[in-house]
Amino acid sequence: MILLACVNKPRYEGPEVDREMAAKDAKALYKVGEKKLGTHEKISVKNFSERSNAQLIAINTYYHDMYDG
């Protein structure tokens, strides 16, 4: 499913990061995944197929800052 999503939708790969979107994505990932079995594919596939590498790093940073601290 994720491979198909990656092939069908081009994603921006520049260095710019949308911090507000990164924080929102981190909250969404926490809400659907933390302390639950399995994953919520729609949210996960969207993030991993549509977000740039820089954006994914920002999401990871926000996630850890909000929930691991």
PDB file of N, CA and C in Angstrom:
ATOM      1  N   MET A   1       0.817  -1.190   0.000  1.00  0.00           N
ATOM      2  CA  MET A   1       0.000   0.000   0.000  1.00  0.00           C
ATOM      3  C   MET A   1       0.866   1.261   0.000  1.00  0.00           C
ATOM      4  N   ILE A   2       1.895   1.295   0.820  1.00  0.00           N
ATOM      5  CA  ILE A   2       2.739   2.491   0.877  1.00  0.00           C
ATOM      6  C   ILE A   2       3.542   2.650  -0.412  1.00  0.00           C
ATOM      7  N   LEU A   3       3.979   1.548  -0.989  1.00  0.00           N
ATOM      8  CA  LEU A   3       4.717   1.619  -2.242  1.00  0.00           C
ATOM      9  C   LEU A   3       3.846   2.213  -3.336  1.00  0.00           C
ATOM     10  N   LEU A   4       2.622   1.782  -3.405  1.00  0.00           N
ATOM     11  CA  LEU A   4       1.683   2.299  -4.392  1.00  0.00           C
ATOM     12  C   LEU A   4       1.452   3.796  -4.173  1.00  0.00           C
ATOM     13  N   ALA A   5       1.311   4.219  -2.943  1.00  0.00           N
ATOM     14  CA  ALA A   5       1.115   5.630  -2.633  1.00  0.00           C
ATOM     15  C   ALA A   5       2.337   6.457  -3.038  1.00  0.00           C
ATOM     16  N   CYS A   6       3.522   5.912  -2.815  1.00  0.00           N
ATOM     17  CA  CYS A   6       4.750   6.623  -3.168  1.00  0.00           C
ATOM     18  C   CYS A   6       4.892   6.783  -4.673  1.00  0.00           C
ATOM     19  N   VAL A   7       4.491   5.789  -5.418  1.00  0.00           N
ATOM     20  CA  VAL A   7       4.606   5.819  -6.867  1.00  0.00           C
ATOM     21  C   VAL A   7       3.567   6.749  -7.490  1.00  0.00           C
ATOM     22  N   ASN A   8       2.382   6.787  -6.923  1.00  0.00           N
ATOM     23  CA  ASN A   8       1.282   7.540  -7.520  1.00  0.00           C
ATOM     24  C   ASN A   8       1.280   9.032  -7.212  1.00  0.00           C
ATOM     25  N   LYS A   9       1.998   9.465  -6.226  1.00  0.00           N
ATOM     26  CA  LYS A   9       1.954  10.874  -5.843  1.00  0.00           C
ATOM     27  C   LYS A   9       3.367  11.406  -5.655  1.00  0.00           C
ATOM     28  N   PRO A  10       3.768  12.346  -6.496  1.00  0.00           N
ATOM     29  CA  PRO A  10       5.112  12.914  -6.297  1.00  0.00           C
ATOM     30  C   PRO A  10       5.158  13.717  -5.006  1.00  0.00           C
ATOM     31  N   ARG A  11       6.315  13.718  -4.368  1.00  0.00           N
ATOM     32  CA  ARG A  11       6.432  14.478  -3.129  1.00  0.00           C
ATOM     33  C   ARG A  11       7.572  15.470  -3.227  1.00  0.00           C
ATOM     34  N   TYR A  12       7.376  16.579  -2.570  1.00  0.00           N
ATOM     35  CA  TYR A  12       8.375  17.636  -2.516  1.00  0.00           C
ATOM     36  C   TYR A  12       9.562  17.131  -1.711  1.00  0.00           C
ATOM     37  N   GLU A  13      10.760  17.391  -2.189  1.00  0.00           N
ATOM     38  CA  GLU A  13      11.958  16.925  -1.481  1.00  0.00           C
ATOM     39  C   GLU A  13      12.908  18.055  -1.113  1.00  0.00           C
ATOM     40  N   GLY A  14      12.405  19.267  -1.048  1.00  0.00           N
ATOM     41  CA  GLY A  14      13.255  20.400  -0.681  1.00  0.00           C
ATOM     42  C   GLY A  14      13.514  20.457   0.808  1.00  0.00           C
ATOM     43  N   PRO A  15      14.315  21.418   1.225  1.00  0.00           N
ATOM     44  CA  PRO A  15      14.719  21.516   2.632  1.00  0.00           C
ATOM     45  C   PRO A  15      13.712  22.234   3.546  1.00  0.00           C
ATOM     46  N   GLU A  16      12.714  22.904   2.958  1.00  0.00           N
ATOM     47  CA  GLU A  16      11.780  23.661   3.778  1.00  0.00           C
ATOM     48  C   GLU A  16      10.890  22.739   4.600  1.00  0.00           C
ATOM     49  N   VAL A  17      10.559  23.198   5.806  1.00  0.00           N
ATOM     50  CA  VAL A  17       9.730  22.425   6.726  1.00  0.00           C
ATOM     51  C   VAL A  17       8.555  23.287   7.171  1.00  0.00           C
ATOM     52  N   ASP A  18       7.375  22.699   7.175  1.00  0.00           N
ATOM     53  CA  ASP A  18       6.190  23.354   7.710  1.00  0.00           C
ATOM     54  C   ASP A  18       6.051  22.885   9.152  1.00  0.00           C
ATOM     55  N   ARG A  19       6.468  23.715  10.097  1.00  0.00           N
ATOM     56  CA  ARG A  19       6.502  23.328  11.512  1.00  0.00           C
ATOM     57  C   ARG A  19       5.108  23.053  12.071  1.00  0.00           C
ATOM     58  N   GLU A  20       4.149  23.843  11.656  1.00  0.00           N
ATOM     59  CA  GLU A  20       2.780  23.633  12.130  1.00  0.00           C
ATOM     60  C   GLU A  20       2.246  22.273  11.663  1.00  0.00           C
ATOM     61  N   MET A  21       2.522  21.934  10.408  1.00  0.00           N
ATOM     62  CA  MET A  21       2.095  20.645   9.877  1.00  0.00           C
ATOM     63  C   MET A  21       2.829  19.506  10.582  1.00  0.00           C
ATOM     64  N   ALA A  22       4.112  19.701  10.861  1.00  0.00           N
ATOM     65  CA  ALA A  22       4.896  18.668  11.543  1.00  0.00           C
ATOM     66  C   ALA A  22       4.323  18.383  12.929  1.00  0.00           C
ATOM     67  N   ALA A  23       3.975  19.433  13.657  1.00  0.00           N
ATOM     68  CA  ALA A  23       3.387  19.252  14.994  1.00  0.00           C
ATOM     69  C   ALA A  23       2.036  18.555  14.894  1.00  0.00           C
ATOM     70  N   LYS A  24       1.233  18.942  13.922  1.00  0.00           N
ATOM     71  CA  LYS A  24      -0.082  18.327  13.723  1.00  0.00           C
ATOM     72  C   LYS A  24       0.063  16.842  13.365  1.00  0.00           C
ATOM     73  N   ASP A  25       1.002  16.535  12.468  1.00  0.00           N
ATOM     74  CA  ASP A  25       1.238  15.142  12.081  1.00  0.00           C
ATOM     75  C   ASP A  25       1.734  14.312  13.265  1.00  0.00           C
ATOM     76  N   ALA A  26       2.607  14.885  14.085  1.00  0.00           N
ATOM     77  CA  ALA A  26       3.110  14.169  15.266  1.00  0.00           C
ATOM     78  C   ALA A  26       1.964  13.845  16.218  1.00  0.00           C
ATOM     79  N   LYS A  27       1.065  14.799  16.430  1.00  0.00           N
ATOM     80  CA  LYS A  27      -0.092  14.571  17.300  1.00  0.00           C
ATOM     81  C   LYS A  27      -1.004  13.486  16.722  1.00  0.00           C
ATOM     82  N   ALA A  28      -1.213  13.520  15.411  1.00  0.00           N
ATOM     83  CA  ALA A  28      -2.070  12.519  14.770  1.00  0.00           C
ATOM     84  C   ALA A  28      -1.464  11.122  14.889  1.00  0.00           C
ATOM     85  N   LEU A  29      -0.163  11.010  14.691  1.00  0.00           N
ATOM     86  CA  LEU A  29       0.495   9.709  14.822  1.00  0.00           C
ATOM     87  C   LEU A  29       0.399   9.181  16.246  1.00  0.00           C
ATOM     88  N   TYR A  30       0.573  10.065  17.214  1.00  0.00           N
ATOM     89  CA  TYR A  30       0.459   9.658  18.619  1.00  0.00           C
ATOM     90  C   TYR A  30      -0.961   9.177  18.918  1.00  0.00           C
ATOM     91  N   LYS A  31      -1.927   9.949  18.470  1.00  0.00           N
ATOM     92  CA  LYS A  31      -3.331   9.645  18.747  1.00  0.00           C
ATOM     93  C   LYS A  31      -3.747   8.282  18.196  1.00  0.00           C
ATOM     94  N   VAL A  32      -3.305   7.948  16.995  1.00  0.00           N
ATOM     95  CA  VAL A  32      -3.741   6.689  16.384  1.00  0.00           C
ATOM     96  C   VAL A  32      -2.828   5.517  16.694  1.00  0.00           C
ATOM     97  N   GLY A  33      -1.641   5.780  17.264  1.00  0.00           N
ATOM     98  CA  GLY A  33      -0.713   4.677  17.413  1.00  0.00           C
ATOM     99  C   GLY A  33      -0.180   4.369  18.791  1.00  0.00           C
ATOM    100  N   GLU A  34      -0.091   5.348  19.647  1.00  0.00           N
ATOM    101  CA  GLU A  34       0.551   5.124  20.940  1.00  0.00           C
ATOM    102  C   GLU A  34      -0.261   4.182  21.818  1.00  0.00           C
ATOM    103  N   LYS A  35       0.435   3.168  22.330  1.00  0.00           N
ATOM    104  CA  LYS A  35      -0.150   2.168  23.233  1.00  0.00           C
ATOM    105  C   LYS A  35      -1.322   1.407  22.607  1.00  0.00           C
ATOM    106  N   LYS A  36      -1.267   1.242  21.284  1.00  0.00           N
ATOM    107  CA  LYS A  36      -2.298   0.484  20.578  1.00  0.00           C
ATOM    108  C   LYS A  36      -1.616  -0.559  19.714  1.00  0.00           C
ATOM    109  N   LEU A  37      -2.273  -1.672  19.531  1.00  0.00           N
ATOM    110  CA  LEU A  37      -1.755  -2.697  18.642  1.00  0.00           C
ATOM    111  C   LEU A  37      -2.020  -2.305  17.197  1.00  0.00           C
ATOM    112  N   GLY A  38      -1.081  -2.605  16.324  1.00  0.00           N
ATOM    113  CA  GLY A  38      -1.265  -2.300  14.911  1.00  0.00           C
ATOM    114  C   GLY A  38      -1.023  -0.826  14.614  1.00  0.00           C
ATOM    115  N   THR A  39      -1.352  -0.464  13.403  1.00  0.00           N
ATOM    116  CA  THR A  39      -1.163   0.920  12.977  1.00  0.00           C
ATOM    117  C   THR A  39      -2.414   1.411  12.278  1.00  0.00           C
ATOM    118  N   HIS A  40      -2.533   2.702  12.169  1.00  0.00           N
ATOM    119  CA  HIS A  40      -3.609   3.308  11.410  1.00  0.00           C
ATOM    120  C   HIS A  40      -3.011   3.621  10.047  1.00  0.00           C
ATOM    121  N   GLU A  41      -3.278   2.753   9.089  1.00  0.00           N
ATOM    122  CA  GLU A  41      -2.599   2.838   7.804  1.00  0.00           C
ATOM    123  C   GLU A  41      -2.812   4.148   7.070  1.00  0.00           C
ATOM    124  N   LYS A  42      -4.008   4.698   7.120  1.00  0.00           N
ATOM    125  CA  LYS A  42      -4.280   5.919   6.369  1.00  0.00           C
ATOM    126  C   LYS A  42      -3.347   7.052   6.802  1.00  0.00           C
ATOM    127  N   ILE A  43      -3.208   7.248   8.101  1.00  0.00           N
ATOM    128  CA  ILE A  43      -2.340   8.317   8.618  1.00  0.00           C
ATOM    129  C   ILE A  43      -0.876   8.006   8.299  1.00  0.00           C
ATOM    130  N   SER A  44      -0.459   6.779   8.550  1.00  0.00           N
ATOM    131  CA  SER A  44       0.936   6.396   8.322  1.00  0.00           C
ATOM    132  C   SER A  44       1.321   6.489   6.854  1.00  0.00           C
ATOM    133  N   VAL A  45       0.489   5.956   5.982  1.00  0.00           N
ATOM    134  CA  VAL A  45       0.781   5.985   4.547  1.00  0.00           C
ATOM    135  C   VAL A  45       0.835   7.421   4.056  1.00  0.00           C
ATOM    136  N   LYS A  46      -0.107   8.237   4.494  1.00  0.00           N
ATOM    137  CA  LYS A  46      -0.114   9.643   4.075  1.00  0.00           C
ATOM    138  C   LYS A  46       1.190  10.320   4.473  1.00  0.00           C
ATOM    139  N   ASN A  47       1.596  10.169   5.719  1.00  0.00           N
ATOM    140  CA  ASN A  47       2.821  10.824   6.172  1.00  0.00           C
ATOM    141  C   ASN A  47       4.049  10.316   5.429  1.00  0.00           C
ATOM    142  N   PHE A  48       4.206   9.019   5.323  1.00  0.00           N
ATOM    143  CA  PHE A  48       5.423   8.475   4.736  1.00  0.00           C
ATOM    144  C   PHE A  48       5.478   8.592   3.219  1.00  0.00           C
ATOM    145  N   SER A  49       4.339   8.750   2.570  1.00  0.00           N
ATOM    146  CA  SER A  49       4.357   8.865   1.114  1.00  0.00           C
ATOM    147  C   SER A  49       4.278  10.301   0.625  1.00  0.00           C
ATOM    148  N   GLU A  50       3.751  11.214   1.432  1.00  0.00           N
ATOM    149  CA  GLU A  50       3.550  12.588   0.974  1.00  0.00           C
ATOM    150  C   GLU A  50       4.512  13.599   1.583  1.00  0.00           C
ATOM    151  N   ARG A  51       5.143  13.278   2.678  1.00  0.00           N
ATOM    152  CA  ARG A  51       6.025  14.229   3.353  1.00  0.00           C
ATOM    153  C   ARG A  51       7.467  14.056   2.895  1.00  0.00           C
ATOM    154  N   SER A  52       8.175  15.156   2.773  1.00  0.00           N
ATOM    155  CA  SER A  52       9.582  15.115   2.372  1.00  0.00           C
ATOM    156  C   SER A  52      10.427  14.547   3.508  1.00  0.00           C
ATOM    157  N   ASN A  53      11.651  14.223   3.198  1.00  0.00           N
ATOM    158  CA  ASN A  53      12.559  13.713   4.223  1.00  0.00           C
ATOM    159  C   ASN A  53      12.747  14.748   5.335  1.00  0.00           C
ATOM    160  N   ALA A  54      12.914  16.009   4.956  1.00  0.00           N
ATOM    161  CA  ALA A  54      13.072  17.072   5.961  1.00  0.00           C
ATOM    162  C   ALA A  54      11.821  17.175   6.830  1.00  0.00           C
ATOM    163  N   GLN A  55      10.635  17.029   6.220  1.00  0.00           N
ATOM    164  CA  GLN A  55       9.387  17.103   6.964  1.00  0.00           C
ATOM    165  C   GLN A  55       9.262  15.910   7.913  1.00  0.00           C
ATOM    166  N   LEU A  56       9.654  14.723   7.470  1.00  0.00           N
ATOM    167  CA  LEU A  56       9.605  13.536   8.325  1.00  0.00           C
ATOM    168  C   LEU A  56      10.537  13.684   9.527  1.00  0.00           C
ATOM    169  N   ILE A  57      11.688  14.283   9.314  1.00  0.00           N
ATOM    170  CA  ILE A  57      12.611  14.523  10.426  1.00  0.00           C
ATOM    171  C   ILE A  57      11.973  15.493  11.421  1.00  0.00           C
ATOM    172  N   ALA A  58      11.310  16.526  10.925  1.00  0.00           N
ATOM    173  CA  ALA A  58      10.633  17.483  11.802  1.00  0.00           C
ATOM    174  C   ALA A  58       9.497  16.810  12.576  1.00  0.00           C
ATOM    175  N   ILE A  59       8.730  15.951  11.914  1.00  0.00           N
ATOM    176  CA  ILE A  59       7.656  15.216  12.593  1.00  0.00           C
ATOM    177  C   ILE A  59       8.244  14.367  13.714  1.00  0.00           C
ATOM    178  N   ASN A  60       9.321  13.667  13.422  1.00  0.00           N
ATOM    179  CA  ASN A  60       9.982  12.836  14.418  1.00  0.00           C
ATOM    180  C   ASN A  60      10.455  13.677  15.606  1.00  0.00           C
ATOM    181  N   THR A  61      11.036  14.822  15.332  1.00  0.00           N
ATOM    182  CA  THR A  61      11.518  15.705  16.395  1.00  0.00           C
ATOM    183  C   THR A  61      10.360  16.189  17.261  1.00  0.00           C
ATOM    184  N   TYR A  62       9.296  16.653  16.622  1.00  0.00           N
ATOM    185  CA  TYR A  62       8.130  17.107  17.389  1.00  0.00           C
ATOM    186  C   TYR A  62       7.551  15.962  18.210  1.00  0.00           C
ATOM    187  N   TYR A  63       7.452  14.790  17.626  1.00  0.00           N
ATOM    188  CA  TYR A  63       6.892  13.630  18.328  1.00  0.00           C
ATOM    189  C   TYR A  63       7.681  13.362  19.613  1.00  0.00           C
ATOM    190  N   HIS A  64       8.993  13.307  19.476  1.00  0.00           N
ATOM    191  CA  HIS A  64       9.838  13.020  20.638  1.00  0.00           C
ATOM    192  C   HIS A  64       9.821  14.152  21.655  1.00  0.00           C
ATOM    193  N   ASP A  65       9.776  15.382  21.182  1.00  0.00           N
ATOM    194  CA  ASP A  65       9.714  16.524  22.110  1.00  0.00           C
ATOM    195  C   ASP A  65       8.407  16.537  22.883  1.00  0.00           C
ATOM    196  N   MET A  66       7.303  16.184  22.230  1.00  0.00           N
ATOM    197  CA  MET A  66       5.991  16.245  22.871  1.00  0.00           C
ATOM    198  C   MET A  66       5.709  15.035  23.762  1.00  0.00           C
ATOM    199  N   TYR A  67       6.199  13.858  23.381  1.00  0.00           N
ATOM    200  CA  TYR A  67       5.752  12.643  24.054  1.00  0.00           C
ATOM    201  C   TYR A  67       6.844  11.851  24.762  1.00  0.00           C
ATOM    202  N   ASP A  68       8.099  12.148  24.526  1.00  0.00           N
ATOM    203  CA  ASP A  68       9.167  11.418  25.208  1.00  0.00           C
ATOM    204  C   ASP A  68       9.792  12.233  26.335  1.00  0.00           C
ATOM    205  N   GLY A  69       9.425  13.480  26.427  1.00  0.00           N
ATOM    206  CA  GLY A  69      10.061  14.393  27.376  1.00  0.00           C
ATOM    207  C   GLY A  69       9.446  14.320  28.708  1.00  0.00           C
TER     208      GLY A  69
END
